[in-house]
Amino acid sequence: MSEAISRLKKDYLFNLALKGQREDGRGFDEVRDLIVETNVIDKAEGSAKVLLGDTQVLVGVKLQVGSPFADSADKGVIITSMELNPIASPNFEAGPPREKAIEMARVVDRGIRESGAIDLNKLCITEGVEVWIVFIDVHVLNDSGNLLDAASIGAIAALMTATLPGDREGRGEDVKLPICEMPVSLSFVDIGGELVIDATNNEESVSDLRLTIVTNQDGSICAMQKSGPGTLSEENFLRSVEKSREIGAQIREEYLLNI
């Protein structure tokens, strides 16, 4: 019975796509309503809550002094994790992070790292001995699709509010985390040969391809991730890049620049 329902759902969404429609009435290039709240966790050095449609994520940033990596002795460290709480979706299970959570955490981490969002050189206290470690913890409160973009937006928003706790750690005064960039992640899924942005759970469940593109303020691409066995035409790929730049700029203007 579940297979039959899945097949019907897929046919329904595919037929809508052929008509240029989506089940929630949005256009293919339209993002759901976005709300970004900052400074929502008192105990964290930085925090943000993101609502993307009905998808909700909470991001906390903690900072502490530790040892640098051997191959980057003069740079701070970024460690990103994601928790898929069972309360957020019947598809999530309690226990250690699953493959999906690990993959999404890596993409969020890569967008922050490769964009140069944080000046990691300024997080060096004593080269080869002590640096600041930035922990980015993403908690999913409700999964209604496109967790990756919600998590990425939440991560940069939380980082932009973060303060290095120099006084607490005996390393001088508290100062703002040195932020240099505002990467924005936009994800697309393929439905019947059409790329749709900011997919819902239903749309994700019937697609065999997801493409995530992370852009910087100047429109350059700093990270990209394709998942699923599906293929992508050159035309759709180029269109997705252009849309990522366009919508990324809008999100920065409306939600990030005033943090």
Protein backbone atom coordinates (compact mmCIF):
# COMPACT_ATOMS: atom_id res chain seq x y z
CA MET A 1 0.00 0.00 0.00
CA SER A 2 2.79 2.47 0.91
CA GLU A 3 4.45 1.83 -2.48
CA ALA A 4 1.19 2.60 -4.25
CA ILE A 5 0.76 5.84 -2.27
CA SER A 6 4.35 6.83 -3.06
CA ARG A 7 3.79 6.18 -6.76
CA LEU A 8 0.61 8.25 -6.75
CA LYS A 9 2.35 11.09 -4.94
CA LYS A 10 5.20 11.04 -7.45
CA ASP A 11 2.81 11.06 -10.42
CA TYR A 12 0.83 13.91 -8.86
CA LEU A 13 3.92 16.10 -8.31
CA PHE A 14 5.34 15.26 -11.73
CA ASN A 15 2.07 16.21 -13.43
CA LEU A 16 2.01 19.49 -11.52
CA ALA A 17 5.59 20.20 -12.63
CA LEU A 18 4.64 19.61 -16.26
CA LYS A 19 2.02 22.34 -15.81
CA GLY A 20 4.57 24.67 -14.22
CA GLN A 21 2.98 24.27 -10.79
CA ARG A 22 3.92 23.11 -7.28
CA GLU A 23 1.68 21.63 -4.60
CA ASP A 24 1.94 24.69 -2.32
CA GLY A 25 1.30 27.16 -5.14
CA ARG A 26 4.84 28.56 -5.36
CA GLY A 27 6.75 29.11 -8.57
CA PHE A 28 9.75 26.89 -9.31
CA ASP A 29 12.13 29.73 -8.31
CA GLU A 30 10.22 30.88 -5.23
CA VAL A 31 11.53 30.41 -1.68
CA ARG A 32 9.13 29.93 1.21
CA ASP A 33 8.67 32.67 3.82
CA LEU A 34 11.89 33.13 5.80
CA ILE A 35 12.30 34.38 9.36
CA VAL A 36 15.71 34.77 11.02
CA GLU A 37 15.90 35.46 14.76
CA THR A 38 19.24 35.99 16.50
CA ASN A 39 20.53 35.89 20.10
CA VAL A 40 17.98 33.27 21.09
CA ILE A 41 20.25 31.16 23.37
CA ASP A 42 21.62 32.96 26.43
CA LYS A 43 24.36 30.41 27.16
CA ALA A 44 25.83 30.42 23.64
CA GLU A 45 28.42 32.85 22.26
CA GLY A 46 26.16 33.29 19.21
CA SER A 47 22.82 31.86 18.14
CA ALA A 48 20.03 32.01 15.59
CA LYS A 49 16.68 30.41 14.90
CA VAL A 50 15.54 30.05 11.29
CA LEU A 51 12.03 29.36 10.05
CA LEU A 52 11.88 28.46 6.36
CA GLY A 53 8.23 27.79 5.74
CA ASP A 54 7.44 25.19 8.41
CA THR A 55 11.05 24.01 8.63
CA GLN A 56 12.69 25.20 11.85
CA VAL A 57 16.32 24.96 12.96
CA LEU A 58 18.17 26.32 15.97
CA VAL A 59 21.90 27.06 15.70
CA GLY A 60 24.23 27.69 18.61
CA VAL A 61 27.88 28.79 18.44
CA LYS A 62 30.29 27.99 21.27
CA LEU A 63 33.90 29.14 21.44
CA GLN A 64 36.74 27.75 23.52
CA VAL A 65 40.51 27.64 23.50
CA GLY A 66 42.17 24.49 22.18
CA SER A 67 44.93 23.12 19.99
CA PRO A 68 45.21 23.87 16.23
CA PHE A 69 45.31 21.25 13.53
CA ALA A 70 48.85 20.18 12.65
CA ASP A 71 48.57 21.39 9.05
CA SER A 72 47.18 24.82 10.01
CA ALA A 73 49.08 25.75 13.14
CA ASP A 74 48.32 29.47 12.78
CA LYS A 75 44.58 29.17 12.20
CA GLY A 76 41.52 28.65 14.34
CA VAL A 77 39.35 25.55 14.04
CA ILE A 78 35.74 25.13 12.88
CA ILE A 79 33.73 22.07 13.97
CA THR A 80 30.15 21.73 12.72
CA SER A 81 27.59 19.18 13.87
CA MET A 82 23.91 18.60 13.18
CA GLU A 83 21.33 16.84 15.32
CA LEU A 84 18.19 15.43 13.73
CA ASN A 85 15.90 15.29 16.74
CA PRO A 86 13.20 12.56 16.58
CA ILE A 87 10.64 15.14 17.69
CA ALA A 88 11.27 17.02 14.42
CA SER A 89 10.27 14.19 12.09
CA PRO A 90 8.99 10.59 12.27
CA ASN A 91 11.89 9.71 9.95
CA PHE A 92 14.56 10.68 12.49
CA GLU A 93 15.83 8.23 15.08
CA ALA A 94 17.48 8.78 18.45
CA GLY A 95 21.16 7.95 18.82
CA PRO A 96 24.45 8.93 17.18
CA PRO A 97 24.33 11.17 14.06
CA ARG A 98 23.20 9.28 10.96
CA GLU A 99 24.65 9.56 7.46
CA LYS A 100 22.16 12.29 6.44
CA ALA A 101 23.04 14.47 9.43
CA ILE A 102 26.78 14.01 8.86
CA GLU A 103 26.48 14.88 5.16
CA MET A 104 24.48 18.04 5.81
CA ALA A 105 26.83 19.15 8.59
CA ARG A 106 29.75 18.77 6.19
CA VAL A 107 28.05 20.89 3.53
CA VAL A 108 27.24 23.61 6.08
CA ASP A 109 30.82 23.47 7.34
CA ARG A 110 32.25 23.62 3.81
CA GLY A 111 30.19 26.69 2.95
CA ILE A 112 31.46 28.55 6.02
CA ARG A 113 35.04 27.37 5.61
CA GLU A 114 35.50 27.77 1.84
CA SER A 115 33.79 31.15 1.72
CA GLY A 116 36.31 32.56 4.19
CA ALA A 117 33.39 33.65 6.36
CA ILE A 118 35.63 33.65 9.45
CA ASP A 119 39.15 35.09 9.46
CA LEU A 120 40.74 31.98 10.97
CA ASN A 121 44.17 33.65 11.21
CA LYS A 122 42.75 36.07 13.78
CA LEU A 123 41.69 33.11 15.91
CA CYS A 124 45.31 32.10 16.50
CA ILE A 125 46.45 32.83 20.07
CA THR A 126 49.88 31.18 20.04
CA GLU A 127 50.95 29.55 16.78
CA GLY A 128 51.09 25.79 17.05
CA VAL A 129 49.90 25.88 20.66
CA GLU A 130 46.55 27.61 21.20
CA VAL A 131 43.76 28.80 18.96
CA TRP A 132 40.07 29.52 19.27
CA ILE A 133 37.82 26.58 18.32
CA VAL A 134 34.43 27.49 16.82
CA PHE A 135 31.72 24.90 17.47
CA ILE A 136 28.62 25.28 15.26
CA ASP A 137 25.78 23.10 16.55
CA VAL A 138 22.64 22.77 14.42
CA HIS A 139 19.47 21.38 16.00
CA VAL A 140 16.49 20.56 13.80
CA LEU A 141 13.22 21.48 15.50
CA ASN A 142 10.86 20.66 12.63
CA ASP A 143 11.59 19.11 9.24
CA SER A 144 9.32 20.35 6.49
CA GLY A 145 11.96 20.07 3.76
CA ASN A 146 15.20 21.78 2.75
CA LEU A 147 16.98 21.48 6.08
CA LEU A 148 20.31 22.25 4.41
CA ASP A 149 19.51 25.83 3.44
CA ALA A 150 17.83 26.57 6.76
CA ALA A 151 20.86 25.22 8.62
CA SER A 152 23.33 27.16 6.47
CA ILE A 153 21.46 30.45 6.89
CA GLY A 154 21.19 29.79 10.62
CA ALA A 155 24.91 29.05 10.87
CA ILE A 156 26.09 32.32 9.30
CA ALA A 157 23.48 34.33 11.23
CA ALA A 158 24.63 32.76 14.53
CA LEU A 159 28.29 33.37 13.68
CA MET A 160 27.58 37.02 12.91
CA THR A 161 26.26 37.48 16.46
CA ALA A 162 29.10 35.56 18.15
CA THR A 163 31.61 37.06 20.58
CA LEU A 164 35.00 35.63 21.52
CA PRO A 165 34.83 35.17 25.32
CA GLY A 166 38.32 36.49 25.99
CA ASP A 167 37.56 37.55 29.55
CA ARG A 168 36.09 34.17 30.50
CA GLU A 169 39.01 32.28 28.99
CA GLY A 170 41.69 34.60 30.41
CA ARG A 171 42.63 35.82 26.92
CA GLY A 172 41.91 39.54 27.17
CA GLU A 173 38.72 41.41 26.35
CA ASP A 174 35.62 40.01 24.67
CA VAL A 175 35.58 40.88 20.96
CA LYS A 176 33.30 40.07 18.06
CA LEU A 177 34.09 36.98 16.02
CA PRO A 178 35.99 38.23 12.92
CA ILE A 179 33.44 37.73 10.12
CA CYS A 180 34.58 38.48 6.55
CA GLU A 181 31.85 36.93 4.38
CA MET A 182 28.16 36.01 4.31
CA PRO A 183 27.77 32.76 2.35
CA VAL A 184 24.22 31.79 1.42
CA SER A 185 23.16 28.28 0.45
CA LEU A 186 20.42 27.58 -2.11
CA SER A 187 19.23 24.04 -2.87
CA PHE A 188 17.36 22.70 -5.88
CA VAL A 189 15.72 19.33 -6.58
CA ASP A 190 14.76 17.83 -9.93
CA ILE A 191 11.12 16.90 -10.54
CA GLY A 192 10.33 15.61 -13.99
CA GLY A 193 13.24 17.50 -15.54
CA GLU A 194 12.33 20.75 -13.80
CA LEU A 195 14.53 22.24 -11.07
CA VAL A 196 12.60 23.61 -8.10
CA ILE A 197 14.13 25.64 -5.32
CA ASP A 198 13.55 25.20 -1.55
CA ALA A 199 11.80 21.84 -1.82
CA THR A 200 9.21 20.55 0.63
CA ASN A 201 9.38 17.07 2.14
CA ASN A 202 7.07 15.69 -0.54
CA GLU A 203 9.15 17.20 -3.32
CA GLU A 204 12.37 15.85 -1.83
CA SER A 205 10.85 12.37 -1.47
CA VAL A 206 10.07 12.03 -5.20
CA SER A 207 13.28 13.60 -6.53
CA ASP A 208 16.44 11.68 -7.41
CA LEU A 209 18.71 14.75 -7.46
CA ARG A 210 19.54 17.62 -5.14
CA LEU A 211 21.97 20.40 -6.03
CA THR A 212 23.18 22.85 -3.40
CA ILE A 213 25.13 25.97 -4.36
CA VAL A 214 26.74 28.33 -1.84
CA THR A 215 27.61 31.83 -3.03
CA ASN A 216 29.60 34.72 -1.58
CA GLN A 217 28.67 38.39 -1.54
CA ASP A 218 30.35 39.00 -4.90
CA GLY A 219 28.37 36.16 -6.50
CA SER A 220 31.29 33.74 -6.64
CA ILE A 221 30.61 30.07 -5.85
CA CYS A 222 32.42 28.88 -2.73
CA ALA A 223 30.84 25.44 -2.34
CA MET A 224 28.66 23.02 -4.26
CA GLN A 225 27.13 19.63 -3.50
CA LYS A 226 25.17 17.23 -5.70
CA SER A 227 23.46 14.24 -4.15
CA GLY A 228 21.31 11.50 -5.64
CA PRO A 229 21.77 9.44 -8.83
CA GLY A 230 19.93 11.84 -11.12
CA THR A 231 21.61 13.82 -13.89
CA LEU A 232 21.51 17.54 -14.59
CA SER A 233 21.41 19.28 -17.95
CA GLU A 234 23.88 22.08 -18.65
CA GLU A 235 20.97 24.49 -19.09
CA ASN A 236 19.49 23.65 -15.70
CA PHE A 237 22.87 23.82 -14.02
CA LEU A 238 23.62 27.29 -15.39
CA ARG A 239 20.14 28.48 -14.45
CA SER A 240 20.58 27.20 -10.90
CA VAL A 241 23.89 29.06 -10.57
CA GLU A 242 22.29 32.31 -11.70
CA LYS A 243 19.31 31.84 -9.38
CA SER A 244 21.64 31.09 -6.46
CA ARG A 245 23.42 34.39 -7.02
CA GLU A 246 20.18 36.33 -7.41
CA ILE A 247 18.28 34.87 -4.45
CA GLY A 248 21.41 34.72 -2.28
CA ALA A 249 21.83 38.48 -2.72
CA GLN A 250 18.18 39.02 -1.74
CA ILE A 251 18.54 36.93 1.43
CA ARG A 252 21.67 38.84 2.47
CA GLU A 253 19.98 42.17 1.86
CA GLU A 254 16.78 41.33 3.71
CA TYR A 255 17.94 39.07 6.54
CA LEU A 256 21.71 39.17 7.17
CA LEU A 257 23.10 42.65 6.55
CA ASN A 258 21.24 44.12 9.53
CA ILE A 259 22.40 41.54 12.07
